[in-house]
Amino acid sequence: MSILTRNNVRLLGNQQADKTLVFAHGFGTDQTAWSEVAPAFFDDCRVVLFDYVGANEKTVPFFNPKKYRQLYSYADDILDIFEELDLKDVIFVGHSAGGMSGTLAALQEPTWFSRLVLLNASPCYVNEENYTGGFSTESLDDLFAQMESNFHAWASGFAPMVMANPDRPQFASAFAKTLSAMRPDVALAIAKVIFYSDHRSDITRLPHQTLLVQGKVDIAVPVDVSYYMEKHMPNAILTFINTEGHLPHISGAQEVIQAIRPFVN
């Protein structure tokens, strides 16, 4: 099996550039989520796009529920891609759980990474004492039950809620399309891994300069999470962008580009 095939890896941008940007998507999307952001860096950077295993029809044949039981497995896949392409000093840009997988990869091979950008990311989604993650265990149980009973009906309702921006329904439709393209059993398995994960202790060990980009309104990742990450990550810088929803790289691409360009440069 080719690693580049497994993760549907694409090399774009300026292949002679000194800087390498790797973009990682979050749950319910694939690399197309970066279609309005990544091209802004094509002139000055080598750009790598990929799909996490299970994200779509191309990658689902490689999904093994025994392997992908934790985010560390997705981190291993990231490192496989780096090794296959001989990538070093990478600037890693990851959305949501895709960003947290990149964080775990950077902890394993710190010299392979230069800096990280985490967009609306979270180390823990469950509310606990003195921590607001955004979800109660009861709400997650209900979410998973809905996914299991009628996945496509759940996706059609979940997409506009998470995307927000009701005045621009095309964004929710696009998200619903990539979400519905996932195989239901695989989507459920991945969702459980993500929402039940807790990497609060891991983020305290990340040595890299990290830019935390957080939309001001996000039903999946409340702003309290970004403040928590800023406080507990050794070299984190937090910046807010004036966007709604959990997928600002889709609904507010220009805001995301403006936020990360100075950090990348």
Protein backbone atom coordinates (compact mmCIF):
# COMPACT_ATOMS: atom_id res chain seq x y z
CA MET A 1 0.00 0.00 0.00
CA SER A 2 1.28 3.44 -0.91
CA ILE A 3 1.08 5.99 1.89
CA LEU A 4 0.40 8.70 -0.67
CA THR A 5 -2.54 6.68 -1.99
CA ARG A 6 -3.82 5.81 1.47
CA ASN A 7 -4.08 9.48 2.41
CA ASN A 8 -4.80 10.85 -1.08
CA VAL A 9 -1.79 13.16 -0.78
CA ARG A 10 -1.37 16.07 -3.21
CA LEU A 11 1.65 18.33 -3.66
CA LEU A 12 0.79 21.87 -4.75
CA GLY A 13 2.24 25.35 -4.72
CA ASN A 14 5.89 26.28 -5.33
CA GLN A 15 7.87 23.06 -5.17
CA GLN A 16 11.14 25.04 -5.06
CA ALA A 17 10.10 27.08 -2.02
CA ASP A 18 11.96 26.87 1.28
CA LYS A 19 8.75 26.70 3.33
CA THR A 20 6.44 23.71 3.46
CA LEU A 21 2.84 24.08 4.58
CA VAL A 22 0.81 21.00 5.43
CA PHE A 23 -2.95 21.50 5.77
CA ALA A 24 -5.01 19.01 7.78
CA HIS A 25 -8.81 18.92 7.74
CA GLY A 26 -11.22 18.10 10.56
CA PHE A 27 -14.12 15.68 11.02
CA GLY A 28 -16.76 15.61 8.31
CA THR A 29 -14.58 17.27 5.69
CA ASP A 30 -11.62 16.36 3.52
CA GLN A 31 -8.81 18.31 1.91
CA THR A 32 -11.29 20.26 -0.24
CA ALA A 33 -12.15 22.23 2.90
CA TRP A 34 -8.94 24.21 2.27
CA SER A 35 -9.80 25.10 -1.34
CA GLU A 36 -10.22 28.82 -0.54
CA VAL A 37 -7.28 29.07 1.88
CA ALA A 38 -4.41 26.96 0.52
CA PRO A 39 -4.04 28.76 -2.86
CA ALA A 40 -3.15 31.99 -1.03
CA PHE A 41 0.19 30.34 -0.16
CA PHE A 42 0.97 28.65 -3.49
CA ASP A 43 3.43 31.32 -4.67
CA ASP A 44 5.69 31.26 -1.62
CA CYS A 45 5.26 27.77 -0.17
CA ARG A 46 5.30 24.13 -1.01
CA VAL A 47 1.80 22.99 -0.01
CA VAL A 48 0.76 19.49 1.00
CA LEU A 49 -2.88 18.45 1.19
CA PHE A 50 -4.15 15.07 2.32
CA ASP A 51 -7.22 13.23 3.58
CA TYR A 52 -7.39 11.44 6.90
CA VAL A 53 -8.28 7.77 6.51
CA GLY A 54 -12.05 7.29 6.57
CA ALA A 55 -12.86 10.83 5.41
CA ASN A 56 -14.23 9.82 2.01
CA GLU A 57 -14.62 7.03 -0.53
CA LYS A 58 -10.98 7.23 -1.57
CA THR A 59 -9.63 6.60 1.92
CA VAL A 60 -12.31 4.47 3.57
CA PRO A 61 -10.93 1.18 2.13
CA PHE A 62 -7.90 1.72 4.37
CA PHE A 63 -9.94 2.28 7.53
CA ASN A 64 -9.44 -0.33 10.25
CA PRO A 65 -11.41 0.32 13.45
CA LYS A 66 -8.85 -1.62 15.48
CA LYS A 67 -6.08 0.68 14.29
CA TYR A 68 -7.93 4.00 14.40
CA ARG A 69 -9.10 3.85 18.00
CA GLN A 70 -7.28 7.00 19.08
CA LEU A 71 -5.95 10.22 17.60
CA TYR A 72 -2.39 8.89 17.94
CA SER A 73 -3.10 6.63 14.94
CA TYR A 74 -3.88 9.65 12.78
CA ALA A 75 -0.73 11.31 14.12
CA ASP A 76 1.23 8.27 12.95
CA ASP A 77 -0.26 8.69 9.48
CA ILE A 78 0.90 12.31 9.42
CA LEU A 79 4.42 11.20 10.26
CA ASP A 80 4.23 8.54 7.54
CA ILE A 81 3.46 11.27 5.00
CA PHE A 82 6.31 13.44 6.28
CA GLU A 83 8.73 10.54 6.04
CA GLU A 84 7.55 9.48 2.59
CA LEU A 85 7.99 13.02 1.22
CA ASP A 86 11.09 13.74 3.32
CA LEU A 87 9.44 16.79 4.87
CA LYS A 88 11.30 18.81 7.48
CA ASP A 89 10.67 22.14 9.25
CA VAL A 90 7.00 21.90 8.36
CA ILE A 91 4.47 24.59 9.21
CA PHE A 92 1.42 22.51 10.09
CA VAL A 93 -2.04 24.03 9.76
CA GLY A 94 -4.76 21.86 11.27
CA HIS A 95 -8.47 22.34 11.78
CA SER A 96 -10.26 20.93 14.84
CA ALA A 97 -9.33 17.28 15.49
CA GLY A 98 -7.00 17.43 12.50
CA GLY A 99 -5.00 20.04 14.36
CA MET A 100 -4.89 17.98 17.53
CA SER A 101 -3.62 14.97 15.54
CA GLY A 102 -0.86 17.22 14.22
CA THR A 103 -0.03 18.28 17.76
CA LEU A 104 0.43 14.65 18.77
CA ALA A 105 2.62 14.07 15.72
CA ALA A 106 4.78 17.08 16.60
CA LEU A 107 5.28 15.69 20.10
CA GLN A 108 6.57 12.43 18.63
CA GLU A 109 8.91 14.02 16.06
CA PRO A 110 9.45 17.62 17.19
CA THR A 111 12.32 18.34 14.79
CA TRP A 112 10.11 17.63 11.79
CA PHE A 113 7.89 20.60 12.64
CA SER A 114 8.70 24.30 12.62
CA ARG A 115 5.45 25.89 13.83
CA LEU A 116 1.81 24.93 14.16
CA VAL A 117 -1.46 26.71 13.44
CA LEU A 118 -4.50 25.23 15.20
CA LEU A 119 -7.83 26.45 13.86
CA ASN A 120 -10.84 26.03 16.18
CA ALA A 121 -9.08 23.09 17.78
CA SER A 122 -9.78 21.47 21.14
CA PRO A 123 -7.90 19.07 23.41
CA CYS A 124 -11.12 17.88 25.10
CA TYR A 125 -14.78 18.23 24.09
CA VAL A 126 -16.45 17.00 27.28
CA ASN A 127 -17.42 19.34 30.11
CA GLU A 128 -15.70 18.52 33.38
CA GLU A 129 -15.20 20.26 36.69
CA ASN A 130 -13.35 23.53 36.06
CA TYR A 131 -13.30 22.85 32.31
CA THR A 132 -15.84 23.81 29.64
CA GLY A 133 -15.39 21.57 26.62
CA GLY A 134 -18.75 22.27 25.03
CA PHE A 135 -20.55 18.93 25.41
CA SER A 136 -22.01 16.91 28.25
CA THR A 137 -21.71 13.12 28.13
CA GLU A 138 -25.49 12.98 27.78
CA SER A 139 -25.48 15.25 24.72
CA LEU A 140 -22.77 13.13 23.12
CA ASP A 141 -24.72 9.93 23.81
CA ASP A 142 -27.70 11.52 22.08
CA LEU A 143 -25.57 12.66 19.15
CA PHE A 144 -24.16 9.15 18.62
CA ALA A 145 -27.62 7.59 18.90
CA GLN A 146 -28.88 9.91 16.15
CA MET A 147 -25.91 9.05 13.94
CA GLU A 148 -26.58 5.36 14.43
CA SER A 149 -30.32 5.47 13.81
CA ASN A 150 -30.39 7.63 10.66
CA PHE A 151 -26.99 8.93 9.63
CA HIS A 152 -28.04 11.00 6.61
CA ALA A 153 -30.90 12.67 8.47
CA TRP A 154 -28.49 13.45 11.29
CA ALA A 155 -25.93 14.89 8.83
CA SER A 156 -28.51 17.15 7.19
CA GLY A 157 -29.36 18.63 10.60
CA PHE A 158 -25.87 18.66 12.06
CA ALA A 159 -24.25 20.48 9.12
CA PRO A 160 -26.17 23.78 9.31
CA MET A 161 -25.96 23.82 13.10
CA VAL A 162 -22.17 23.48 13.12
CA MET A 163 -21.55 25.61 10.04
CA ALA A 164 -23.83 28.46 11.22
CA ASN A 165 -24.05 31.34 8.70
CA PRO A 166 -27.75 30.74 7.91
CA ASP A 167 -27.68 33.63 5.44
CA ARG A 168 -25.23 31.63 3.31
CA PRO A 169 -26.79 28.14 3.14
CA GLN A 170 -24.34 27.01 0.45
CA PHE A 171 -21.69 26.49 3.13
CA ALA A 172 -23.88 24.15 5.16
CA SER A 173 -24.82 22.30 1.97
CA ALA A 174 -21.17 21.79 1.11
CA PHE A 175 -20.42 20.51 4.60
CA ALA A 176 -23.44 18.20 4.53
CA LYS A 177 -22.16 16.79 1.24
CA THR A 178 -18.70 15.83 2.55
CA LEU A 179 -20.19 14.63 5.82
CA SER A 180 -22.73 12.42 4.04
CA ALA A 181 -19.97 11.04 1.82
CA MET A 182 -18.50 9.28 4.85
CA ARG A 183 -19.53 5.68 5.45
CA PRO A 184 -21.93 5.85 8.40
CA ASP A 185 -20.22 3.23 10.57
CA VAL A 186 -16.83 4.81 9.94
CA ALA A 187 -18.14 8.30 10.69
CA LEU A 188 -19.59 7.08 13.98
CA ALA A 189 -16.35 5.36 14.98
CA ILE A 190 -14.27 8.45 14.16
CA ALA A 191 -16.69 10.78 15.93
CA LYS A 192 -16.47 8.71 19.12
CA VAL A 193 -12.67 8.78 19.00
CA ILE A 194 -12.66 12.55 18.59
CA PHE A 195 -15.35 13.56 21.07
CA TYR A 196 -14.17 11.19 23.80
CA SER A 197 -10.50 12.14 23.44
CA ASP A 198 -8.71 14.10 26.13
CA HIS A 199 -5.30 15.54 25.26
CA ARG A 200 -5.14 18.31 27.83
CA SER A 201 -1.97 16.87 29.35
CA ASP A 202 -0.35 16.51 25.91
CA ILE A 203 -0.69 20.14 24.89
CA THR A 204 1.34 21.21 27.92
CA ARG A 205 4.37 19.47 26.38
CA LEU A 206 4.29 21.04 22.92
CA PRO A 207 7.49 23.10 22.54
CA HIS A 208 6.70 24.70 19.19
CA GLN A 209 5.42 28.18 18.55
CA THR A 210 1.72 27.66 18.00
CA LEU A 211 -0.86 30.07 16.66
CA LEU A 212 -4.35 29.39 18.01
CA VAL A 213 -6.95 30.81 15.64
CA GLN A 214 -10.46 30.82 17.08
CA GLY A 215 -13.73 32.00 15.59
CA LYS A 216 -15.78 34.14 17.97
CA VAL A 217 -18.88 31.95 17.68
CA ASP A 218 -18.43 28.17 17.54
CA ILE A 219 -21.00 25.72 18.88
CA ALA A 220 -18.48 22.85 18.82
CA VAL A 221 -15.51 24.62 20.43
CA PRO A 222 -16.44 27.41 22.86
CA VAL A 223 -14.01 30.29 23.33
CA ASP A 224 -13.25 29.01 26.85
CA VAL A 225 -11.36 26.16 25.20
CA SER A 226 -9.07 28.50 23.31
CA TYR A 227 -8.31 30.45 26.49
CA TYR A 228 -7.53 27.15 28.21
CA MET A 229 -5.14 26.17 25.42
CA GLU A 230 -3.43 29.56 25.47
CA LYS A 231 -2.89 29.24 29.21
CA HIS A 232 -1.57 25.67 29.18
CA MET A 233 0.50 25.54 25.96
CA PRO A 234 4.05 26.83 26.53
CA ASN A 235 4.43 28.84 23.30
CA ALA A 236 0.88 29.57 22.18
CA ILE A 237 -0.44 32.82 20.75
CA LEU A 238 -4.22 33.22 20.62
CA THR A 239 -5.97 35.31 18.00
CA PHE A 240 -9.69 35.66 17.39
CA ILE A 241 -11.30 36.08 13.99
CA ASN A 242 -14.72 37.54 13.39
CA THR A 243 -16.37 34.38 12.07
CA GLU A 244 -19.33 32.19 12.93
CA GLY A 245 -19.38 28.42 13.01
CA HIS A 246 -16.87 25.65 13.44
CA LEU A 247 -15.46 25.78 9.90
CA PRO A 248 -14.15 29.33 9.37
CA HIS A 249 -11.74 28.17 6.65
CA ILE A 250 -14.87 27.50 4.59
CA SER A 251 -17.19 30.30 5.72
CA GLY A 252 -14.52 32.96 6.36
CA ALA A 253 -11.50 32.01 4.28
CA GLN A 254 -10.12 35.55 3.95
CA GLU A 255 -10.21 36.06 7.72
CA VAL A 256 -8.29 32.83 8.21
CA ILE A 257 -5.71 33.76 5.57
CA GLN A 258 -5.16 37.19 7.14
CA ALA A 259 -4.77 35.63 10.58
CA ILE A 260 -2.20 33.00 9.64
CA ARG A 261 -0.16 34.74 6.91
CA PRO A 262 2.03 36.84 9.28
CA PHE A 263 2.72 33.75 11.39
CA VAL A 264 3.62 31.67 8.35
CA ASN A 265 5.91 34.40 7.05
